[in-house]
Amino acid sequence: MTPPWARLQAAMAEARLDALLLASAAATAFALGETRRIGVHNGGLPSPAVVVPESGYPHVITPDADGAWGVLPPDRVHPMAFDPSMLARLLPPLLHGARRVGMDTCSPGGVAAVRAVLRTGAVALVDASPMLARAMAPKERREVTALQRACHAAHDLVAAGATSSPWFPLERFHPDRAGVEVDGWAGFARTGPGDEDAIVRTIARLGHGRLPRPTDGVAVWGVGRRREPAVAVEGAVLLVEHGRRGVTVCLTPDGPQLLSP
């Protein structure tokens, strides 16, 4: 299986980026692969960050350094406390020599902090969000199987009327919805009322590479290690919602495949 950071590095090469600086939950979770992550409620820098270089393993700056041991080499794991000033010490050597650095969505304060840390106008900070969404969207066969297992676990919890779970919760439990992380992959259940016909029409559009129109009243999210931006490409796993009802599908060469039970 291709390491997730290698997929990002291939996209970086096409975009002529020397490095990526990631802070969102979806992008950092994708880039780190099997590395355990902690939940941080104030997303964006200086929360746990990942630096993806042109080649080799990524660097992770995290309060949960124990979660990265055994997955990343020790010299790629940089423990930090919740202290923004630590970025001033950690980022310059990790981004040394980079001229174009892609960033994902983070707060204006985070962007300002990075500019202040780098202290040079020679580094161009580029919005890499669209590139990241495209690179993260296609899932390999093993990943689709893991995502289907997580989806079924979420549905089992709803069917049982569960108010808690052995799996890490990604959202608050309700009688007709659940979101959990199962072995590092996200799964969602949406069993409440909604327009089934609208969902079916949207799935058909996705099969032709088209996202729903704003007037359709249907929400679509990518599903990976967390909720991701929606991209309608082959291999993408997508959660399609109308009202409180939803299904998870995978876009295959033979058309959309239902992953929900």
C-alpha atoms as a PDB file:
ATOM      1  CA  MET A   1       0.000   0.000   0.000  1.00  0.00           C
ATOM      2  CA  THR A   2       1.266   3.473  -0.864  1.00  0.00           C
ATOM      3  CA  PRO A   3       1.981   5.462   2.331  1.00  0.00           C
ATOM      4  CA  PRO A   4      -0.402   8.406   2.628  1.00  0.00           C
ATOM      5  CA  TRP A   5       2.405  10.936   2.812  1.00  0.00           C
ATOM      6  CA  ALA A   6       3.785   9.576  -0.497  1.00  0.00           C
ATOM      7  CA  ARG A   7       0.422  10.348  -2.124  1.00  0.00           C
ATOM      8  CA  LEU A   8       0.670  13.894  -0.813  1.00  0.00           C
ATOM      9  CA  GLN A   9       4.253  14.205  -2.051  1.00  0.00           C
ATOM     10  CA  ALA A  10       3.206  13.167  -5.559  1.00  0.00           C
ATOM     11  CA  ALA A  11       0.561  15.909  -5.532  1.00  0.00           C
ATOM     12  CA  MET A  12       3.118  18.369  -4.150  1.00  0.00           C
ATOM     13  CA  ALA A  13       5.464  17.661  -7.040  1.00  0.00           C
ATOM     14  CA  GLU A  14       2.714  18.427  -9.560  1.00  0.00           C
ATOM     15  CA  ALA A  15       1.873  21.660  -7.714  1.00  0.00           C
ATOM     16  CA  ARG A  16       5.576  22.581  -7.378  1.00  0.00           C
ATOM     17  CA  LEU A  17       5.420  22.770  -3.598  1.00  0.00           C
ATOM     18  CA  ASP A  18       8.524  22.196  -1.488  1.00  0.00           C
ATOM     19  CA  ALA A  19       6.634  21.303   1.701  1.00  0.00           C
ATOM     20  CA  LEU A  20       3.200  21.105   3.277  1.00  0.00           C
ATOM     21  CA  LEU A  21       2.257  22.503   6.682  1.00  0.00           C
ATOM     22  CA  LEU A  22      -0.972  20.866   7.832  1.00  0.00           C
ATOM     23  CA  ALA A  23      -3.167  21.602  10.846  1.00  0.00           C
ATOM     24  CA  SER A  24      -6.738  20.483  10.083  1.00  0.00           C
ATOM     25  CA  ALA A  25      -8.002  17.235  11.609  1.00  0.00           C
ATOM     26  CA  ALA A  26      -8.712  15.617   8.221  1.00  0.00           C
ATOM     27  CA  ALA A  27      -5.357  16.464   6.618  1.00  0.00           C
ATOM     28  CA  THR A  28      -3.167  15.635   9.613  1.00  0.00           C
ATOM     29  CA  ALA A  29      -5.014  12.348  10.181  1.00  0.00           C
ATOM     30  CA  PHE A  30      -4.551  11.406   6.516  1.00  0.00           C
ATOM     31  CA  ALA A  31      -0.878  12.377   6.385  1.00  0.00           C
ATOM     32  CA  LEU A  32       0.041  10.424   9.510  1.00  0.00           C
ATOM     33  CA  GLY A  33      -1.646   7.175   8.516  1.00  0.00           C
ATOM     34  CA  GLU A  34      -1.605   4.689  11.401  1.00  0.00           C
ATOM     35  CA  THR A  35      -0.280   7.207  13.920  1.00  0.00           C
ATOM     36  CA  ARG A  36      -2.596   7.734  16.872  1.00  0.00           C
ATOM     37  CA  ARG A  37      -3.982  11.234  17.215  1.00  0.00           C
ATOM     38  CA  ILE A  38      -5.537  13.153  20.083  1.00  0.00           C
ATOM     39  CA  GLY A  39      -8.645  15.287  19.770  1.00  0.00           C
ATOM     40  CA  VAL A  40      -8.019  19.026  19.830  1.00  0.00           C
ATOM     41  CA  HIS A  41     -11.053  21.270  19.987  1.00  0.00           C
ATOM     42  CA  ASN A  42      -9.451  24.515  18.776  1.00  0.00           C
ATOM     43  CA  GLY A  43      -8.381  23.323  15.323  1.00  0.00           C
ATOM     44  CA  GLY A  44      -5.676  25.171  13.430  1.00  0.00           C
ATOM     45  CA  LEU A  45      -2.168  26.106  14.442  1.00  0.00           C
ATOM     46  CA  PRO A  46      -0.670  25.892  17.022  1.00  0.00           C
ATOM     47  CA  SER A  47      -2.564  22.638  17.596  1.00  0.00           C
ATOM     48  CA  PRO A  48      -0.835  19.394  16.440  1.00  0.00           C
ATOM     49  CA  ALA A  49       0.787  20.093  13.079  1.00  0.00           C
ATOM     50  CA  VAL A  50       2.339  17.967  10.350  1.00  0.00           C
ATOM     51  CA  VAL A  51       5.150  19.033   8.017  1.00  0.00           C
ATOM     52  CA  VAL A  52       5.355  16.949   4.825  1.00  0.00           C
ATOM     53  CA  PRO A  53       8.724  17.357   3.052  1.00  0.00           C
ATOM     54  CA  GLU A  54       9.403  16.660  -0.627  1.00  0.00           C
ATOM     55  CA  SER A  55      10.374  13.083   0.206  1.00  0.00           C
ATOM     56  CA  GLY A  56      10.570  10.747   3.162  1.00  0.00           C
ATOM     57  CA  TYR A  57       8.519  10.526   6.327  1.00  0.00           C
ATOM     58  CA  PRO A  58       6.519  13.521   7.559  1.00  0.00           C
ATOM     59  CA  HIS A  59       7.333  15.417  10.738  1.00  0.00           C
ATOM     60  CA  VAL A  60       4.670  15.629  13.429  1.00  0.00           C
ATOM     61  CA  ILE A  61       4.577  18.326  16.095  1.00  0.00           C
ATOM     62  CA  THR A  62       2.192  17.014  18.724  1.00  0.00           C
ATOM     63  CA  PRO A  63       1.307  16.945  22.433  1.00  0.00           C
ATOM     64  CA  ASP A  64       0.668  13.199  21.949  1.00  0.00           C
ATOM     65  CA  ALA A  65       4.167  12.116  20.953  1.00  0.00           C
ATOM     66  CA  ASP A  66       3.617   8.607  22.338  1.00  0.00           C
ATOM     67  CA  GLY A  67       1.044   8.034  19.596  1.00  0.00           C
ATOM     68  CA  ALA A  68       3.692   8.391  16.881  1.00  0.00           C
ATOM     69  CA  TRP A  69       6.399   6.122  18.272  1.00  0.00           C
ATOM     70  CA  GLY A  70       6.754   2.975  16.213  1.00  0.00           C
ATOM     71  CA  VAL A  71       5.047   4.536  13.186  1.00  0.00           C
ATOM     72  CA  LEU A  72       7.422   7.406  12.407  1.00  0.00           C
ATOM     73  CA  PRO A  73      11.191   7.467  12.997  1.00  0.00           C
ATOM     74  CA  PRO A  74      12.126   9.159  16.290  1.00  0.00           C
ATOM     75  CA  ASP A  75      13.720  12.120  14.513  1.00  0.00           C
ATOM     76  CA  ARG A  76      10.361  12.870  12.848  1.00  0.00           C
ATOM     77  CA  VAL A  77       8.423  13.143  16.138  1.00  0.00           C
ATOM     78  CA  HIS A  78       8.589  16.513  17.897  1.00  0.00           C
ATOM     79  CA  PRO A  79       6.821  16.707  21.270  1.00  0.00           C
ATOM     80  CA  MET A  80       5.276  20.036  22.181  1.00  0.00           C
ATOM     81  CA  ALA A  81       3.137  21.567  24.884  1.00  0.00           C
ATOM     82  CA  PHE A  82       0.183  23.804  24.024  1.00  0.00           C
ATOM     83  CA  ASP A  83       2.549  26.722  23.606  1.00  0.00           C
ATOM     84  CA  PRO A  84       2.501  28.772  20.364  1.00  0.00           C
ATOM     85  CA  SER A  85       6.057  29.954  20.980  1.00  0.00           C
ATOM     86  CA  MET A  86       7.306  26.434  20.343  1.00  0.00           C
ATOM     87  CA  LEU A  87       6.542  26.908  16.653  1.00  0.00           C
ATOM     88  CA  ALA A  88       9.265  29.556  16.531  1.00  0.00           C
ATOM     89  CA  ARG A  89      11.775  26.895  17.538  1.00  0.00           C
ATOM     90  CA  LEU A  90      10.421  23.914  15.607  1.00  0.00           C
ATOM     91  CA  LEU A  91       9.252  25.179  12.218  1.00  0.00           C
ATOM     92  CA  PRO A  92      12.325  27.001  10.802  1.00  0.00           C
ATOM     93  CA  PRO A  93      14.589  23.914  10.713  1.00  0.00           C
ATOM     94  CA  LEU A  94      11.765  21.704   9.411  1.00  0.00           C
ATOM     95  CA  LEU A  95      11.029  24.114   6.550  1.00  0.00           C
ATOM     96  CA  HIS A  96      14.657  25.044   5.852  1.00  0.00           C
ATOM     97  CA  GLY A  97      15.267  25.602   2.148  1.00  0.00           C
ATOM     98  CA  ALA A  98      11.579  25.546   1.197  1.00  0.00           C
ATOM     99  CA  ARG A  99      10.454  28.331  -1.133  1.00  0.00           C
ATOM    100  CA  ARG A 100       6.795  27.342  -1.695  1.00  0.00           C
ATOM    101  CA  VAL A 101       4.929  25.929   1.310  1.00  0.00           C
ATOM    102  CA  GLY A 102       1.353  24.711   1.000  1.00  0.00           C
ATOM    103  CA  MET A 103      -0.999  25.148   3.946  1.00  0.00           C
ATOM    104  CA  ASP A 104      -4.442  23.736   4.586  1.00  0.00           C
ATOM    105  CA  THR A 105      -7.287  25.553   6.282  1.00  0.00           C
ATOM    106  CA  CYS A 106      -6.241  27.207   9.510  1.00  0.00           C
ATOM    107  CA  SER A 107      -7.066  30.357  11.411  1.00  0.00           C
ATOM    108  CA  PRO A 108      -5.779  33.782  10.287  1.00  0.00           C
ATOM    109  CA  GLY A 109      -3.832  33.813  13.521  1.00  0.00           C
ATOM    110  CA  GLY A 110      -2.171  30.564  12.502  1.00  0.00           C
ATOM    111  CA  VAL A 111      -1.103  31.997   9.141  1.00  0.00           C
ATOM    112  CA  ALA A 112       0.247  35.096  10.855  1.00  0.00           C
ATOM    113  CA  ALA A 113       2.133  32.912  13.334  1.00  0.00           C
ATOM    114  CA  VAL A 114       3.786  30.971  10.513  1.00  0.00           C
ATOM    115  CA  ARG A 115       4.790  34.153   8.712  1.00  0.00           C
ATOM    116  CA  ALA A 116       6.242  35.527  11.925  1.00  0.00           C
ATOM    117  CA  VAL A 117       8.117  32.293  12.604  1.00  0.00           C
ATOM    118  CA  LEU A 118       9.674  32.106   9.130  1.00  0.00           C
ATOM    119  CA  ARG A 119      10.608  35.798   9.213  1.00  0.00           C
ATOM    120  CA  THR A 120      11.422  35.944   5.540  1.00  0.00           C
ATOM    121  CA  GLY A 121       9.623  37.094   2.447  1.00  0.00           C
ATOM    122  CA  ALA A 122      11.424  34.446   0.394  1.00  0.00           C
ATOM    123  CA  VAL A 123       8.902  31.758   1.414  1.00  0.00           C
ATOM    124  CA  ALA A 124       5.552  31.829  -0.380  1.00  0.00           C
ATOM    125  CA  LEU A 125       2.613  30.412   1.617  1.00  0.00           C
ATOM    126  CA  VAL A 126       0.116  28.791  -0.758  1.00  0.00           C
ATOM    127  CA  ASP A 127      -3.458  27.641  -0.093  1.00  0.00           C
ATOM    128  CA  ALA A 128      -3.140  23.900  -0.716  1.00  0.00           C
ATOM    129  CA  SER A 129      -6.692  22.972   0.372  1.00  0.00           C
ATOM    130  CA  PRO A 130      -7.990  22.023  -3.132  1.00  0.00           C
ATOM    131  CA  MET A 131      -4.873  19.971  -3.875  1.00  0.00           C
ATOM    132  CA  LEU A 132      -5.128  18.187  -0.529  1.00  0.00           C
ATOM    133  CA  ALA A 133      -8.792  17.339  -1.098  1.00  0.00           C
ATOM    134  CA  ARG A 134      -7.999  15.754  -4.470  1.00  0.00           C
ATOM    135  CA  ALA A 135      -5.016  13.830  -3.099  1.00  0.00           C
ATOM    136  CA  MET A 136      -6.916  12.472  -0.087  1.00  0.00           C
ATOM    137  CA  ALA A 137     -10.100  11.471  -1.925  1.00  0.00           C
ATOM    138  CA  PRO A 138      -9.173   8.193  -3.724  1.00  0.00           C
ATOM    139  CA  LYS A 139      -9.062   5.268  -1.302  1.00  0.00           C
ATOM    140  CA  GLU A 140      -7.272   1.978  -1.874  1.00  0.00           C
ATOM    141  CA  ARG A 141      -9.149  -1.321  -1.628  1.00  0.00           C
ATOM    142  CA  ARG A 142      -7.949  -2.097   1.907  1.00  0.00           C
ATOM    143  CA  GLU A 143      -8.991   1.365   3.026  1.00  0.00           C
ATOM    144  CA  VAL A 144     -12.476   0.983   1.533  1.00  0.00           C
ATOM    145  CA  THR A 145     -12.891  -2.296   3.422  1.00  0.00           C
ATOM    146  CA  ALA A 146     -11.864  -0.604   6.675  1.00  0.00           C
ATOM    147  CA  LEU A 147     -14.258   2.292   6.025  1.00  0.00           C
ATOM    148  CA  GLN A 148     -17.139  -0.109   5.381  1.00  0.00           C
ATOM    149  CA  ARG A 149     -16.384  -1.886   8.658  1.00  0.00           C
ATOM    150  CA  ALA A 150     -16.447   1.450  10.498  1.00  0.00           C
ATOM    151  CA  CYS A 151     -19.723   2.398   8.798  1.00  0.00           C
ATOM    152  CA  HIS A 152     -21.325  -0.887   9.892  1.00  0.00           C
ATOM    153  CA  ALA A 153     -20.090  -0.362  13.460  1.00  0.00           C
ATOM    154  CA  ALA A 154     -21.801   3.045  13.549  1.00  0.00           C
ATOM    155  CA  HIS A 155     -25.049   1.510  12.263  1.00  0.00           C
ATOM    156  CA  ASP A 156     -24.844  -1.267  14.865  1.00  0.00           C
ATOM    157  CA  LEU A 157     -24.589   1.366  17.609  1.00  0.00           C
ATOM    158  CA  VAL A 158     -27.671   3.208  16.341  1.00  0.00           C
ATOM    159  CA  ALA A 159     -29.634  -0.041  16.020  1.00  0.00           C
ATOM    160  CA  ALA A 160     -28.747  -0.892  19.619  1.00  0.00           C
ATOM    161  CA  GLY A 161     -29.769   2.549  20.889  1.00  0.00           C
ATOM    162  CA  ALA A 162     -26.256   3.058  22.257  1.00  0.00           C
ATOM    163  CA  THR A 163     -25.361   6.206  24.188  1.00  0.00           C
ATOM    164  CA  SER A 164     -21.673   5.307  24.397  1.00  0.00           C
ATOM    165  CA  SER A 165     -19.247   3.190  22.424  1.00  0.00           C
ATOM    166  CA  PRO A 166     -16.029   1.187  22.723  1.00  0.00           C
ATOM    167  CA  TRP A 167     -14.928   3.150  19.669  1.00  0.00           C
ATOM    168  CA  PHE A 168     -13.707   6.747  19.763  1.00  0.00           C
ATOM    169  CA  PRO A 169     -16.743   9.025  19.162  1.00  0.00           C
ATOM    170  CA  LEU A 170     -16.463  11.572  16.347  1.00  0.00           C
ATOM    171  CA  GLU A 171     -19.767  13.255  17.215  1.00  0.00           C
ATOM    172  CA  ARG A 172     -22.461  13.234  19.890  1.00  0.00           C
ATOM    173  CA  PHE A 173     -24.702  10.176  19.870  1.00  0.00           C
ATOM    174  CA  HIS A 174     -28.376  10.544  18.896  1.00  0.00           C
ATOM    175  CA  PRO A 175     -31.112   7.931  18.445  1.00  0.00           C
ATOM    176  CA  ASP A 176     -30.777   8.085  14.638  1.00  0.00           C
ATOM    177  CA  ARG A 177     -27.127   9.027  14.076  1.00  0.00           C
ATOM    178  CA  ALA A 178     -23.619   8.113  15.172  1.00  0.00           C
ATOM    179  CA  GLY A 179     -20.058   8.797  14.121  1.00  0.00           C
ATOM    180  CA  VAL A 180     -17.132   6.726  15.412  1.00  0.00           C
ATOM    181  CA  GLU A 181     -13.509   5.975  14.632  1.00  0.00           C
ATOM    182  CA  VAL A 182     -12.865   2.250  14.232  1.00  0.00           C
ATOM    183  CA  ASP A 183      -9.213   1.217  14.010  1.00  0.00           C
ATOM    184  CA  GLY A 184      -8.310   4.658  12.706  1.00  0.00           C
ATOM    185  CA  TRP A 185     -11.140   4.992  10.158  1.00  0.00           C
ATOM    186  CA  ALA A 186     -14.350   7.028  10.359  1.00  0.00           C
ATOM    187  CA  GLY A 187     -17.818   5.524  10.120  1.00  0.00           C
ATOM    188  CA  PHE A 188     -21.189   7.277  10.156  1.00  0.00           C
ATOM    189  CA  ALA A 189     -24.819   6.217  10.474  1.00  0.00           C
ATOM    190  CA  ARG A 190     -27.789   8.404   9.511  1.00  0.00           C
ATOM    191  CA  THR A 191     -31.116   6.567   9.896  1.00  0.00           C
ATOM    192  CA  GLY A 192     -33.592   9.392  10.515  1.00  0.00           C
ATOM    193  CA  PRO A 193     -36.113  10.986   8.134  1.00  0.00           C
ATOM    194  CA  GLY A 194     -34.940  12.371   4.794  1.00  0.00           C
ATOM    195  CA  ASP A 195     -35.674  12.418   1.076  1.00  0.00           C
ATOM    196  CA  GLU A 196     -34.525   9.054  -0.273  1.00  0.00           C
ATOM    197  CA  ASP A 197     -35.143  10.123  -3.876  1.00  0.00           C
ATOM    198  CA  ALA A 198     -32.904  13.170  -3.447  1.00  0.00           C
ATOM    199  CA  ILE A 199     -30.168  10.939  -2.037  1.00  0.00           C
ATOM    200  CA  VAL A 200     -30.476   8.493  -4.957  1.00  0.00           C
ATOM    201  CA  ARG A 201     -30.337  11.338  -7.497  1.00  0.00           C
ATOM    202  CA  THR A 202     -27.244  12.748  -5.811  1.00  0.00           C
ATOM    203  CA  ILE A 203     -25.500   9.373  -5.838  1.00  0.00           C
ATOM    204  CA  ALA A 204     -26.184   9.127  -9.569  1.00  0.00           C
ATOM    205  CA  ARG A 205     -24.614  12.585 -10.083  1.00  0.00           C
ATOM    206  CA  LEU A 206     -21.589  11.556  -8.026  1.00  0.00           C
ATOM    207  CA  GLY A 207     -21.160   8.534 -10.274  1.00  0.00           C
ATOM    208  CA  HIS A 208     -20.691  10.977 -13.167  1.00  0.00           C
ATOM    209  CA  GLY A 209     -18.167  13.071 -11.223  1.00  0.00           C
ATOM    210  CA  ARG A 210     -20.604  15.845 -10.234  1.00  0.00           C
ATOM    211  CA  LEU A 211     -21.294  17.131  -6.738  1.00  0.00           C
ATOM    212  CA  PRO A 212     -24.854  18.185  -5.809  1.00  0.00           C
ATOM    213  CA  ARG A 213     -26.091  21.674  -6.618  1.00  0.00           C
ATOM    214  CA  PRO A 214     -26.739  24.061  -3.706  1.00  0.00           C
ATOM    215  CA  THR A 215     -30.461  23.929  -4.504  1.00  0.00           C
ATOM    216  CA  ASP A 216     -30.602  20.124  -4.117  1.00  0.00           C
ATOM    217  CA  GLY A 217     -30.669  20.309  -0.327  1.00  0.00           C
ATOM    218  CA  VAL A 218     -28.240  17.385  -0.079  1.00  0.00           C
ATOM    219  CA  ALA A 219     -24.936  17.481   1.816  1.00  0.00           C
ATOM    220  CA  VAL A 220     -21.956  15.377   0.719  1.00  0.00           C
ATOM    221  CA  TRP A 221     -18.795  14.749   2.740  1.00  0.00           C
ATOM    222  CA  GLY A 222     -15.707  12.734   2.033  1.00  0.00           C
ATOM    223  CA  VAL A 223     -14.994   9.963   4.540  1.00  0.00           C
ATOM    224  CA  GLY A 224     -11.509   8.800   5.502  1.00  0.00           C
ATOM    225  CA  ARG A 225      -9.774   8.899   8.844  1.00  0.00           C
ATOM    226  CA  ARG A 226     -12.030  11.878   9.568  1.00  0.00           C
ATOM    227  CA  ARG A 227     -14.657  13.748   7.561  1.00  0.00           C
ATOM    228  CA  GLU A 228     -12.946  15.161   4.489  1.00  0.00           C
ATOM    229  CA  PRO A 229     -13.865  17.616   1.719  1.00  0.00           C
ATOM    230  CA  ALA A 230     -16.061  15.973  -0.916  1.00  0.00           C
ATOM    231  CA  VAL A 231     -14.422  15.167  -4.263  1.00  0.00           C
ATOM    232  CA  ALA A 232     -16.324  13.047  -6.801  1.00  0.00           C
ATOM    233  CA  VAL A 233     -13.493  10.911  -8.205  1.00  0.00           C
ATOM    234  CA  GLU A 234     -12.997   7.185  -8.612  1.00  0.00           C
ATOM    235  CA  GLY A 235     -12.116   5.591  -5.286  1.00  0.00           C
ATOM    236  CA  ALA A 236     -13.692   8.321  -3.163  1.00  0.00           C
ATOM    237  CA  VAL A 237     -15.830   7.294  -0.179  1.00  0.00           C
ATOM    238  CA  LEU A 238     -18.656   9.764   0.401  1.00  0.00           C
ATOM    239  CA  LEU A 239     -21.388  10.334   2.977  1.00  0.00           C
ATOM    240  CA  VAL A 240     -24.573  11.584   1.268  1.00  0.00           C
ATOM    241  CA  GLU A 241     -27.100  13.243   3.610  1.00  0.00           C
ATOM    242  CA  HIS A 242     -30.587  14.704   3.309  1.00  0.00           C
ATOM    243  CA  GLY A 243     -32.265  15.801   6.512  1.00  0.00           C
ATOM    244  CA  ARG A 244     -31.351  13.211   9.126  1.00  0.00           C
ATOM    245  CA  ARG A 245     -30.944  10.361   6.653  1.00  0.00           C
ATOM    246  CA  GLY A 246     -27.755   9.384   4.864  1.00  0.00           C
ATOM    247  CA  VAL A 247     -25.767   6.632   3.222  1.00  0.00           C
ATOM    248  CA  THR A 248     -22.091   6.008   2.600  1.00  0.00           C
ATOM    249  CA  VAL A 249     -20.983   5.067  -0.915  1.00  0.00           C
ATOM    250  CA  CYS A 250     -17.730   4.353  -2.735  1.00  0.00           C
ATOM    251  CA  LEU A 251     -17.267   5.539  -6.321  1.00  0.00           C
ATOM    252  CA  THR A 252     -15.965   2.517  -8.239  1.00  0.00           C
ATOM    253  CA  PRO A 253     -15.215   2.000 -11.952  1.00  0.00           C
ATOM    254  CA  ASP A 254     -18.545   0.131 -12.169  1.00  0.00           C
ATOM    255  CA  GLY A 255     -20.499   2.937 -10.512  1.00  0.00           C
ATOM    256  CA  PRO A 256     -21.323   3.931  -6.916  1.00  0.00           C
ATOM    257  CA  GLN A 257     -21.172   1.054  -4.438  1.00  0.00           C
ATOM    258  CA  LEU A 258     -23.212   1.216  -1.229  1.00  0.00           C
ATOM    259  CA  LEU A 259     -21.122   0.731   1.916  1.00  0.00           C
ATOM    260  CA  SER A 260     -23.941   1.316   4.415  1.00  0.00           C
ATOM    261  CA  PRO A 261     -25.822  -1.818   5.552  1.00  0.00           C
END
